[in-house]
Amino acid sequence: MKQHDDDQLVRKLYAAHKEKKCLVILDDIWKVEDWDSLSHAFPIGASGSKILLTIRNQNIASAGYVHKLKCLSEEGWELLQKIALPNNYSQG
């Protein structure tokens, strides 16, 4: 059943990309096989669409641009906490 659901998802994503410019965000792709099963949904150069993957295995994104994130500085982390979690933020 899972394979049928995946195939249906790939077909729907492919159709959407052919018709419209899209931004697709796929979060936390762990295995190359998972990306391989979905990658057919994104035709190369289709309508200026962009795909953003968050991954732990750099081999998954070998065909695209990889942007490695750096850890936040202490000051940056404090600012994020202050803005995103104001009720939990305690200075000092």
PDB file of N, CA and C in Angstrom:
ATOM      1  N   MET A   1       0.817  -1.197   0.000  1.00  0.00           N
ATOM      2  CA  MET A   1       0.000   0.000   0.000  1.00  0.00           C
ATOM      3  C   MET A   1       0.858   1.257   0.000  1.00  0.00           C
ATOM      4  N   LYS A   2       1.972   1.247   0.747  1.00  0.00           N
ATOM      5  CA  LYS A   2       2.839   2.419   0.825  1.00  0.00           C
ATOM      6  C   LYS A   2       3.373   2.811  -0.548  1.00  0.00           C
ATOM      7  N   GLN A   3       3.787   1.840  -1.343  1.00  0.00           N
ATOM      8  CA  GLN A   3       4.307   2.127  -2.682  1.00  0.00           C
ATOM      9  C   GLN A   3       3.248   2.801  -3.540  1.00  0.00           C
ATOM     10  N   HIS A   4       2.007   2.350  -3.438  1.00  0.00           N
ATOM     11  CA  HIS A   4       0.910   2.964  -4.195  1.00  0.00           C
ATOM     12  C   HIS A   4       0.733   4.417  -3.773  1.00  0.00           C
ATOM     13  N   ASP A   5       0.778   4.692  -2.467  1.00  0.00           N
ATOM     14  CA  ASP A   5       0.645   6.058  -1.964  1.00  0.00           C
ATOM     15  C   ASP A   5       1.796   6.933  -2.453  1.00  0.00           C
ATOM     16  N   ASP A   6       3.016   6.396  -2.430  1.00  0.00           N
ATOM     17  CA  ASP A   6       4.180   7.143  -2.908  1.00  0.00           C
ATOM     18  C   ASP A   6       4.057   7.461  -4.394  1.00  0.00           C
ATOM     19  N   ASP A   7       3.623   6.483  -5.178  1.00  0.00           N
ATOM     20  CA  ASP A   7       3.459   6.699  -6.621  1.00  0.00           C
ATOM     21  C   ASP A   7       2.420   7.777  -6.899  1.00  0.00           C
ATOM     22  N   GLN A   8       1.341   7.759  -6.148  1.00  0.00           N
ATOM     23  CA  GLN A   8       0.289   8.762  -6.318  1.00  0.00           C
ATOM     24  C   GLN A   8       0.813  10.153  -5.946  1.00  0.00           C
ATOM     25  N   LEU A   9       1.585  10.247  -4.878  1.00  0.00           N
ATOM     26  CA  LEU A   9       2.182  11.519  -4.473  1.00  0.00           C
ATOM     27  C   LEU A   9       3.116  12.047  -5.553  1.00  0.00           C
ATOM     28  N   VAL A  10       3.949  11.188  -6.104  1.00  0.00           N
ATOM     29  CA  VAL A  10       4.881  11.589  -7.165  1.00  0.00           C
ATOM     30  C   VAL A  10       4.116  12.120  -8.368  1.00  0.00           C
ATOM     31  N   ARG A  11       3.060  11.446  -8.771  1.00  0.00           N
ATOM     32  CA  ARG A  11       2.263  11.907  -9.922  1.00  0.00           C
ATOM     33  C   ARG A  11       1.637  13.276  -9.660  1.00  0.00           C
ATOM     34  N   LYS A  12       1.104  13.478  -8.469  1.00  0.00           N
ATOM     35  CA  LYS A  12       0.471  14.760  -8.138  1.00  0.00           C
ATOM     36  C   LYS A  12       1.498  15.893  -8.092  1.00  0.00           C
ATOM     37  N   LEU A  13       2.646  15.639  -7.500  1.00  0.00           N
ATOM     38  CA  LEU A  13       3.694  16.661  -7.447  1.00  0.00           C
ATOM     39  C   LEU A  13       4.203  17.000  -8.842  1.00  0.00           C
ATOM     40  N   TYR A  14       4.375  15.992  -9.669  1.00  0.00           N
ATOM     41  CA  TYR A  14       4.845  16.207 -11.039  1.00  0.00           C
ATOM     42  C   TYR A  14       3.856  17.086 -11.808  1.00  0.00           C
ATOM     43  N   ALA A  15       2.573  16.783 -11.687  1.00  0.00           N
ATOM     44  CA  ALA A  15       1.545  17.564 -12.390  1.00  0.00           C
ATOM     45  C   ALA A  15       1.533  19.008 -11.907  1.00  0.00           C
ATOM     46  N   ALA A  16       1.676  19.215 -10.618  1.00  0.00           N
ATOM     47  CA  ALA A  16       1.683  20.574 -10.071  1.00  0.00           C
ATOM     48  C   ALA A  16       2.882  21.364 -10.584  1.00  0.00           C
ATOM     49  N   HIS A  17       4.036  20.720 -10.687  1.00  0.00           N
ATOM     50  CA  HIS A  17       5.245  21.397 -11.165  1.00  0.00           C
ATOM     51  C   HIS A  17       5.167  21.750 -12.641  1.00  0.00           C
ATOM     52  N   LYS A  18       4.479  20.952 -13.412  1.00  0.00           N
ATOM     53  CA  LYS A  18       4.363  21.244 -14.842  1.00  0.00           C
ATOM     54  C   LYS A  18       3.482  22.461 -15.079  1.00  0.00           C
ATOM     55  N   GLU A  19       2.530  22.704 -14.184  1.00  0.00           N
ATOM     56  CA  GLU A  19       1.558  23.772 -14.378  1.00  0.00           C
ATOM     57  C   GLU A  19       1.952  25.083 -13.712  1.00  0.00           C
ATOM     58  N   LYS A  20       2.616  25.018 -12.580  1.00  0.00           N
ATOM     59  CA  LYS A  20       2.861  26.214 -11.787  1.00  0.00           C
ATOM     60  C   LYS A  20       4.286  26.266 -11.268  1.00  0.00           C
ATOM     61  N   LYS A  21       4.702  27.471 -10.917  1.00  0.00           N
ATOM     62  CA  LYS A  21       5.971  27.681 -10.243  1.00  0.00           C
ATOM     63  C   LYS A  21       5.747  27.383  -8.759  1.00  0.00           C
ATOM     64  N   CYS A  22       6.557  26.490  -8.192  1.00  0.00           N
ATOM     65  CA  CYS A  22       6.331  26.034  -6.821  1.00  0.00           C
ATOM     66  C   CYS A  22       7.609  26.098  -5.996  1.00  0.00           C
ATOM     67  N   LEU A  23       7.432  26.228  -4.699  1.00  0.00           N
ATOM     68  CA  LEU A  23       8.503  26.016  -3.734  1.00  0.00           C
ATOM     69  C   LEU A  23       8.084  24.803  -2.918  1.00  0.00           C
ATOM     70  N   VAL A  24       8.889  23.759  -2.969  1.00  0.00           N
ATOM     71  CA  VAL A  24       8.595  22.534  -2.229  1.00  0.00           C
ATOM     72  C   VAL A  24       9.671  22.358  -1.173  1.00  0.00           C
ATOM     73  N   ILE A  25       9.246  22.140   0.063  1.00  0.00           N
ATOM     74  CA  ILE A  25      10.182  21.917   1.159  1.00  0.00           C
ATOM     75  C   ILE A  25       9.970  20.497   1.668  1.00  0.00           C
ATOM     76  N   LEU A  26      11.028  19.701   1.587  1.00  0.00           N
ATOM     77  CA  LEU A  26      11.001  18.324   2.088  1.00  0.00           C
ATOM     78  C   LEU A  26      11.947  18.268   3.279  1.00  0.00           C
ATOM     79  N   ASP A  27      11.390  18.060   4.442  1.00  0.00           N
ATOM     80  CA  ASP A  27      12.148  18.145   5.683  1.00  0.00           C
ATOM     81  C   ASP A  27      12.632  16.781   6.146  1.00  0.00           C
ATOM     82  N   ASP A  28      13.919  16.724   6.472  1.00  0.00           N
ATOM     83  CA  ASP A  28      14.525  15.577   7.142  1.00  0.00           C
ATOM     84  C   ASP A  28      14.502  14.294   6.316  1.00  0.00           C
ATOM     85  N   ILE A  29      14.976  14.379   5.094  1.00  0.00           N
ATOM     86  CA  ILE A  29      15.135  13.193   4.244  1.00  0.00           C
ATOM     87  C   ILE A  29      16.391  12.459   4.721  1.00  0.00           C
ATOM     88  N   TRP A  30      16.250  11.218   5.123  1.00  0.00           N
ATOM     89  CA  TRP A  30      17.360  10.479   5.723  1.00  0.00           C
ATOM     90  C   TRP A  30      18.089   9.555   4.754  1.00  0.00           C
ATOM     91  N   LYS A  31      17.350   8.965   3.811  1.00  0.00           N
ATOM     92  CA  LYS A  31      17.967   7.935   2.969  1.00  0.00           C
ATOM     93  C   LYS A  31      17.935   8.334   1.500  1.00  0.00           C
ATOM     94  N   VAL A  32      18.982   7.954   0.786  1.00  0.00           N
ATOM     95  CA  VAL A  32      19.065   8.210  -0.649  1.00  0.00           C
ATOM     96  C   VAL A  32      17.871   7.578  -1.356  1.00  0.00           C
ATOM     97  N   GLU A  33      17.462   6.401  -0.908  1.00  0.00           N
ATOM     98  CA  GLU A  33      16.333   5.701  -1.531  1.00  0.00           C
ATOM     99  C   GLU A  33      15.040   6.515  -1.425  1.00  0.00           C
ATOM    100  N   ASP A  34      14.857   7.196  -0.301  1.00  0.00           N
ATOM    101  CA  ASP A  34      13.653   8.021  -0.128  1.00  0.00           C
ATOM    102  C   ASP A  34      13.643   9.167  -1.134  1.00  0.00           C
ATOM    103  N   TRP A  35      14.790   9.829  -1.296  1.00  0.00           N
ATOM    104  CA  TRP A  35      14.876  10.921  -2.267  1.00  0.00           C
ATOM    105  C   TRP A  35      14.716  10.384  -3.681  1.00  0.00           C
ATOM    106  N   ASP A  36      15.334   9.245  -3.977  1.00  0.00           N
ATOM    107  CA  ASP A  36      15.222   8.663  -5.316  1.00  0.00           C
ATOM    108  C   ASP A  36      13.767   8.373  -5.681  1.00  0.00           C
ATOM    109  N   SER A  37      12.984   7.926  -4.711  1.00  0.00           N
ATOM    110  CA  SER A  37      11.584   7.611  -5.013  1.00  0.00           C
ATOM    111  C   SER A  37      10.756   8.869  -5.251  1.00  0.00           C
ATOM    112  N   LEU A  38      11.161   9.999  -4.681  1.00  0.00           N
ATOM    113  CA  LEU A  38      10.424  11.252  -4.859  1.00  0.00           C
ATOM    114  C   LEU A  38      10.978  12.142  -5.968  1.00  0.00           C
ATOM    115  N   SER A  39      12.234  11.990  -6.304  1.00  0.00           N
ATOM    116  CA  SER A  39      12.890  12.924  -7.230  1.00  0.00           C
ATOM    117  C   SER A  39      12.239  12.966  -8.609  1.00  0.00           C
ATOM    118  N   HIS A  40      11.565  11.904  -9.008  1.00  0.00           N
ATOM    119  CA  HIS A  40      10.900  11.877 -10.316  1.00  0.00           C
ATOM    120  C   HIS A  40       9.727  12.854 -10.379  1.00  0.00           C
ATOM    121  N   ALA A  41       9.296  13.322  -9.228  1.00  0.00           N
ATOM    122  CA  ALA A  41       8.179  14.274  -9.177  1.00  0.00           C
ATOM    123  C   ALA A  41       8.614  15.679  -9.568  1.00  0.00           C
ATOM    124  N   PHE A  42       9.924  15.897  -9.675  1.00  0.00           N
ATOM    125  CA  PHE A  42      10.441  17.236  -9.915  1.00  0.00           C
ATOM    126  C   PHE A  42      11.242  17.276 -11.209  1.00  0.00           C
ATOM    127  N   PRO A  43      10.567  17.511 -12.333  1.00  0.00           N
ATOM    128  CA  PRO A  43      11.278  17.557 -13.612  1.00  0.00           C
ATOM    129  C   PRO A  43      12.294  18.696 -13.626  1.00  0.00           C
ATOM    130  N   ILE A  44      13.454  18.440 -14.177  1.00  0.00           N
ATOM    131  CA  ILE A  44      14.526  19.433 -14.221  1.00  0.00           C
ATOM    132  C   ILE A  44      14.085  20.637 -15.032  1.00  0.00           C
ATOM    133  N   GLY A  45      14.254  21.821 -14.451  1.00  0.00           N
ATOM    134  CA  GLY A  45      13.930  23.060 -15.146  1.00  0.00           C
ATOM    135  C   GLY A  45      12.454  23.354 -15.272  1.00  0.00           C
ATOM    136  N   ALA A  46      11.624  22.638 -14.568  1.00  0.00           N
ATOM    137  CA  ALA A  46      10.177  22.819 -14.698  1.00  0.00           C
ATOM    138  C   ALA A  46       9.725  24.143 -14.103  1.00  0.00           C
ATOM    139  N   SER A  47       9.265  25.027 -14.918  1.00  0.00           N
ATOM    140  CA  SER A  47       8.588  26.276 -14.566  1.00  0.00           C
ATOM    141  C   SER A  47       9.259  27.121 -13.490  1.00  0.00           C
ATOM    142  N   GLY A  48      10.557  27.001 -13.319  1.00  0.00           N
ATOM    143  CA  GLY A  48      11.258  27.825 -12.343  1.00  0.00           C
ATOM    144  C   GLY A  48      11.020  27.433 -10.901  1.00  0.00           C
ATOM    145  N   SER A  49      10.516  26.259 -10.668  1.00  0.00           N
ATOM    146  CA  SER A  49      10.257  25.795  -9.306  1.00  0.00           C
ATOM    147  C   SER A  49      11.563  25.535  -8.569  1.00  0.00           C
ATOM    148  N   LYS A  50      11.488  25.570  -7.254  1.00  0.00           N
ATOM    149  CA  LYS A  50      12.646  25.301  -6.399  1.00  0.00           C
ATOM    150  C   LYS A  50      12.281  24.226  -5.391  1.00  0.00           C
ATOM    151  N   ILE A  51      13.286  23.436  -5.011  1.00  0.00           N
ATOM    152  CA  ILE A  51      13.107  22.379  -4.029  1.00  0.00           C
ATOM    153  C   ILE A  51      14.126  22.594  -2.921  1.00  0.00           C
ATOM    154  N   LEU A  52      13.661  22.601  -1.694  1.00  0.00           N
ATOM    155  CA  LEU A  52      14.528  22.738  -0.533  1.00  0.00           C
ATOM    156  C   LEU A  52      14.445  21.444   0.265  1.00  0.00           C
ATOM    157  N   LEU A  53      15.587  20.788   0.429  1.00  0.00           N
ATOM    158  CA  LEU A  53      15.658  19.562   1.222  1.00  0.00           C
ATOM    159  C   LEU A  53      16.431  19.847   2.495  1.00  0.00           C
ATOM    160  N   THR A  54      15.959  19.333   3.608  1.00  0.00           N
ATOM    161  CA  THR A  54      16.802  19.305   4.798  1.00  0.00           C
ATOM    162  C   THR A  54      17.235  17.856   4.957  1.00  0.00           C
ATOM    163  N   ILE A  55      18.541  17.659   5.069  1.00  0.00           N
ATOM    164  CA  ILE A  55      19.102  16.307   5.058  1.00  0.00           C
ATOM    165  C   ILE A  55      20.199  16.179   6.103  1.00  0.00           C
ATOM    166  N   ARG A  56      20.538  14.957   6.406  1.00  0.00           N
ATOM    167  CA  ARG A  56      21.686  14.669   7.263  1.00  0.00           C
ATOM    168  C   ARG A  56      22.781  13.968   6.463  1.00  0.00           C
ATOM    169  N   ASN A  57      22.413  13.420   5.327  1.00  0.00           N
ATOM    170  CA  ASN A  57      23.331  12.682   4.468  1.00  0.00           C
ATOM    171  C   ASN A  57      23.559  13.499   3.198  1.00  0.00           C
ATOM    172  N   GLN A  58      24.743  14.070   3.051  1.00  0.00           N
ATOM    173  CA  GLN A  58      25.038  14.952   1.924  1.00  0.00           C
ATOM    174  C   GLN A  58      24.938  14.247   0.578  1.00  0.00           C
ATOM    175  N   ASN A  59      25.076  12.934   0.528  1.00  0.00           N
ATOM    176  CA  ASN A  59      24.971  12.189  -0.727  1.00  0.00           C
ATOM    177  C   ASN A  59      23.592  12.328  -1.364  1.00  0.00           C
ATOM    178  N   ILE A  60      22.591  12.606  -0.558  1.00  0.00           N
ATOM    179  CA  ILE A  60      21.233  12.750  -1.073  1.00  0.00           C
ATOM    180  C   ILE A  60      21.145  13.926  -2.031  1.00  0.00           C
ATOM    181  N   ALA A  61      21.849  14.996  -1.740  1.00  0.00           N
ATOM    182  CA  ALA A  61      21.752  16.223  -2.541  1.00  0.00           C
ATOM    183  C   ALA A  61      22.952  16.415  -3.456  1.00  0.00           C
ATOM    184  N   SER A  62      23.576  15.351  -3.860  1.00  0.00           N
ATOM    185  CA  SER A  62      24.806  15.463  -4.651  1.00  0.00           C
ATOM    186  C   SER A  62      24.595  16.151  -5.993  1.00  0.00           C
ATOM    187  N   ALA A  63      23.388  16.138  -6.525  1.00  0.00           N
ATOM    188  CA  ALA A  63      23.128  16.768  -7.824  1.00  0.00           C
ATOM    189  C   ALA A  63      22.809  18.251  -7.693  1.00  0.00           C
ATOM    190  N   GLY A  64      22.622  18.736  -6.473  1.00  0.00           N
ATOM    191  CA  GLY A  64      22.237  20.130  -6.283  1.00  0.00           C
ATOM    192  C   GLY A  64      23.246  20.886  -5.453  1.00  0.00           C
ATOM    193  N   TYR A  65      22.878  22.095  -5.088  1.00  0.00           N
ATOM    194  CA  TYR A  65      23.724  22.931  -4.247  1.00  0.00           C
ATOM    195  C   TYR A  65      23.493  22.571  -2.784  1.00  0.00           C
ATOM    196  N   VAL A  66      24.568  22.390  -2.038  1.00  0.00           N
ATOM    197  CA  VAL A  66      24.469  22.067  -0.618  1.00  0.00           C
ATOM    198  C   VAL A  66      24.929  23.277   0.189  1.00  0.00           C
ATOM    199  N   HIS A  67      24.062  23.767   1.052  1.00  0.00           N
ATOM    200  CA  HIS A  67      24.391  24.869   1.952  1.00  0.00           C
ATOM    201  C   HIS A  67      24.475  24.302   3.358  1.00  0.00           C
ATOM    202  N   LYS A  68      25.668  24.301   3.929  1.00  0.00           N
ATOM    203  CA  LYS A  68      25.850  23.753   5.273  1.00  0.00           C
ATOM    204  C   LYS A  68      25.599  24.850   6.302  1.00  0.00           C
ATOM    205  N   LEU A  69      24.725  24.551   7.243  1.00  0.00           N
ATOM    206  CA  LEU A  69      24.409  25.506   8.294  1.00  0.00           C
ATOM    207  C   LEU A  69      25.460  25.461   9.389  1.00  0.00           C
ATOM    208  N   LYS A  70      25.721  26.620   9.956  1.00  0.00           N
ATOM    209  CA  LYS A  70      26.629  26.716  11.094  1.00  0.00           C
ATOM    210  C   LYS A  70      25.789  26.908  12.353  1.00  0.00           C
ATOM    211  N   CYS A  71      26.357  26.585  13.484  1.00  0.00           N
ATOM    212  CA  CYS A  71      25.668  26.793  14.753  1.00  0.00           C
ATOM    213  C   CYS A  71      25.524  28.282  15.020  1.00  0.00           C
ATOM    214  N   LEU A  72      24.478  28.633  15.734  1.00  0.00           N
ATOM    215  CA  LEU A  72      24.279  30.025  16.118  1.00  0.00           C
ATOM    216  C   LEU A  72      25.317  30.437  17.156  1.00  0.00           C
ATOM    217  N   SER A  73      25.691  31.710  17.108  1.00  0.00           N
ATOM    218  CA  SER A  73      26.534  32.258  18.165  1.00  0.00           C
ATOM    219  C   SER A  73      25.693  32.340  19.436  1.00  0.00           C
ATOM    220  N   GLU A  74      26.335  32.567  20.560  1.00  0.00           N
ATOM    221  CA  GLU A  74      25.600  32.704  21.822  1.00  0.00           C
ATOM    222  C   GLU A  74      24.599  33.853  21.736  1.00  0.00           C
ATOM    223  N   GLU A  75      25.024  34.956  21.131  1.00  0.00           N
ATOM    224  CA  GLU A  75      24.149  36.120  20.970  1.00  0.00           C
ATOM    225  C   GLU A  75      22.964  35.788  20.051  1.00  0.00           C
ATOM    226  N   GLY A  76      23.226  35.078  18.971  1.00  0.00           N
ATOM    227  CA  GLY A  76      22.169  34.676  18.050  1.00  0.00           C
ATOM    228  C   GLY A  76      21.173  33.736  18.704  1.00  0.00           C
ATOM    229  N   TRP A  77      21.681  32.792  19.501  1.00  0.00           N
ATOM    230  CA  TRP A  77      20.814  31.851  20.198  1.00  0.00           C
ATOM    231  C   TRP A  77      19.914  32.582  21.196  1.00  0.00           C
ATOM    232  N   GLU A  78      20.478  33.556  21.923  1.00  0.00           N
ATOM    233  CA  GLU A  78      19.681  34.340  22.873  1.00  0.00           C
ATOM    234  C   GLU A  78      18.591  35.126  22.151  1.00  0.00           C
ATOM    235  N   LEU A  79      18.921  35.720  21.010  1.00  0.00           N
ATOM    236  CA  LEU A  79      17.938  36.478  20.239  1.00  0.00           C
ATOM    237  C   LEU A  79      16.813  35.567  19.749  1.00  0.00           C
ATOM    238  N   LEU A  80      17.161  34.392  19.249  1.00  0.00           N
ATOM    239  CA  LEU A  80      16.148  33.437  18.794  1.00  0.00           C
ATOM    240  C   LEU A  80      15.217  33.044  19.941  1.00  0.00           C
ATOM    241  N   GLN A  81      15.787  32.741  21.087  1.00  0.00           N
ATOM    242  CA  GLN A  81      14.968  32.382  22.247  1.00  0.00           C
ATOM    243  C   GLN A  81      14.050  33.526  22.654  1.00  0.00           C
ATOM    244  N   LYS A  82      14.581  34.731  22.651  1.00  0.00           N
ATOM    245  CA  LYS A  82      13.810  35.902  23.072  1.00  0.00           C
ATOM    246  C   LYS A  82      12.618  36.140  22.148  1.00  0.00           C
ATOM    247  N   ILE A  83      12.811  35.951  20.843  1.00  0.00           N
ATOM    248  CA  ILE A  83      11.752  36.209  19.869  1.00  0.00           C
ATOM    249  C   ILE A  83      10.801  35.018  19.737  1.00  0.00           C
ATOM    250  N   ALA A  84      11.360  33.822  19.608  1.00  0.00           N
ATOM    251  CA  ALA A  84      10.533  32.642  19.337  1.00  0.00           C
ATOM    252  C   ALA A  84       9.878  32.064  20.592  1.00  0.00           C
ATOM    253  N   LEU A  85      10.525  32.210  21.723  1.00  0.00           N
ATOM    254  CA  LEU A  85      10.022  31.619  22.971  1.00  0.00           C
ATOM    255  C   LEU A  85      10.020  32.655  24.094  1.00  0.00           C
ATOM    256  N   PRO A  86       9.273  33.744  23.933  1.00  0.00           N
ATOM    257  CA  PRO A  86       9.356  34.828  24.917  1.00  0.00           C
ATOM    258  C   PRO A  86       8.945  34.407  26.330  1.00  0.00           C
ATOM    259  N   ASN A  87       8.035  33.464  26.466  1.00  0.00           N
ATOM    260  CA  ASN A  87       7.605  33.027  27.801  1.00  0.00           C
ATOM    261  C   ASN A  87       8.647  32.164  28.496  1.00  0.00           C
ATOM    262  N   ASN A  88       9.511  31.531  27.710  1.00  0.00           N
ATOM    263  CA  ASN A  88      10.538  30.651  28.275  1.00  0.00           C
ATOM    264  C   ASN A  88      11.883  31.344  28.412  1.00  0.00           C
ATOM    265  N   TYR A  89      11.989  32.554  27.889  1.00  0.00           N
ATOM    266  CA  TYR A  89      13.273  33.249  27.855  1.00  0.00           C
ATOM    267  C   TYR A  89      13.575  33.859  29.213  1.00  0.00           C
ATOM    268  N   SER A  90      14.735  33.530  29.735  1.00  0.00           N
ATOM    269  CA  SER A  90      15.204  34.188  30.960  1.00  0.00           C
ATOM    270  C   SER A  90      16.625  34.656  30.709  1.00  0.00           C
ATOM    271  N   GLN A  91      16.832  35.930  30.832  1.00  0.00           N
ATOM    272  CA  GLN A  91      18.140  36.518  30.546  1.00  0.00           C
ATOM    273  C   GLN A  91      19.079  36.230  31.703  1.00  0.00           C
ATOM    274  N   GLY A  92      20.347  35.905  31.342  1.00  0.00           N
ATOM    275  CA  GLY A  92      21.345  35.740  32.382  1.00  0.00           C
ATOM    276  C   GLY A  92      21.701  34.357  32.552  1.00  0.00           C
TER     277      GLY A  92
END
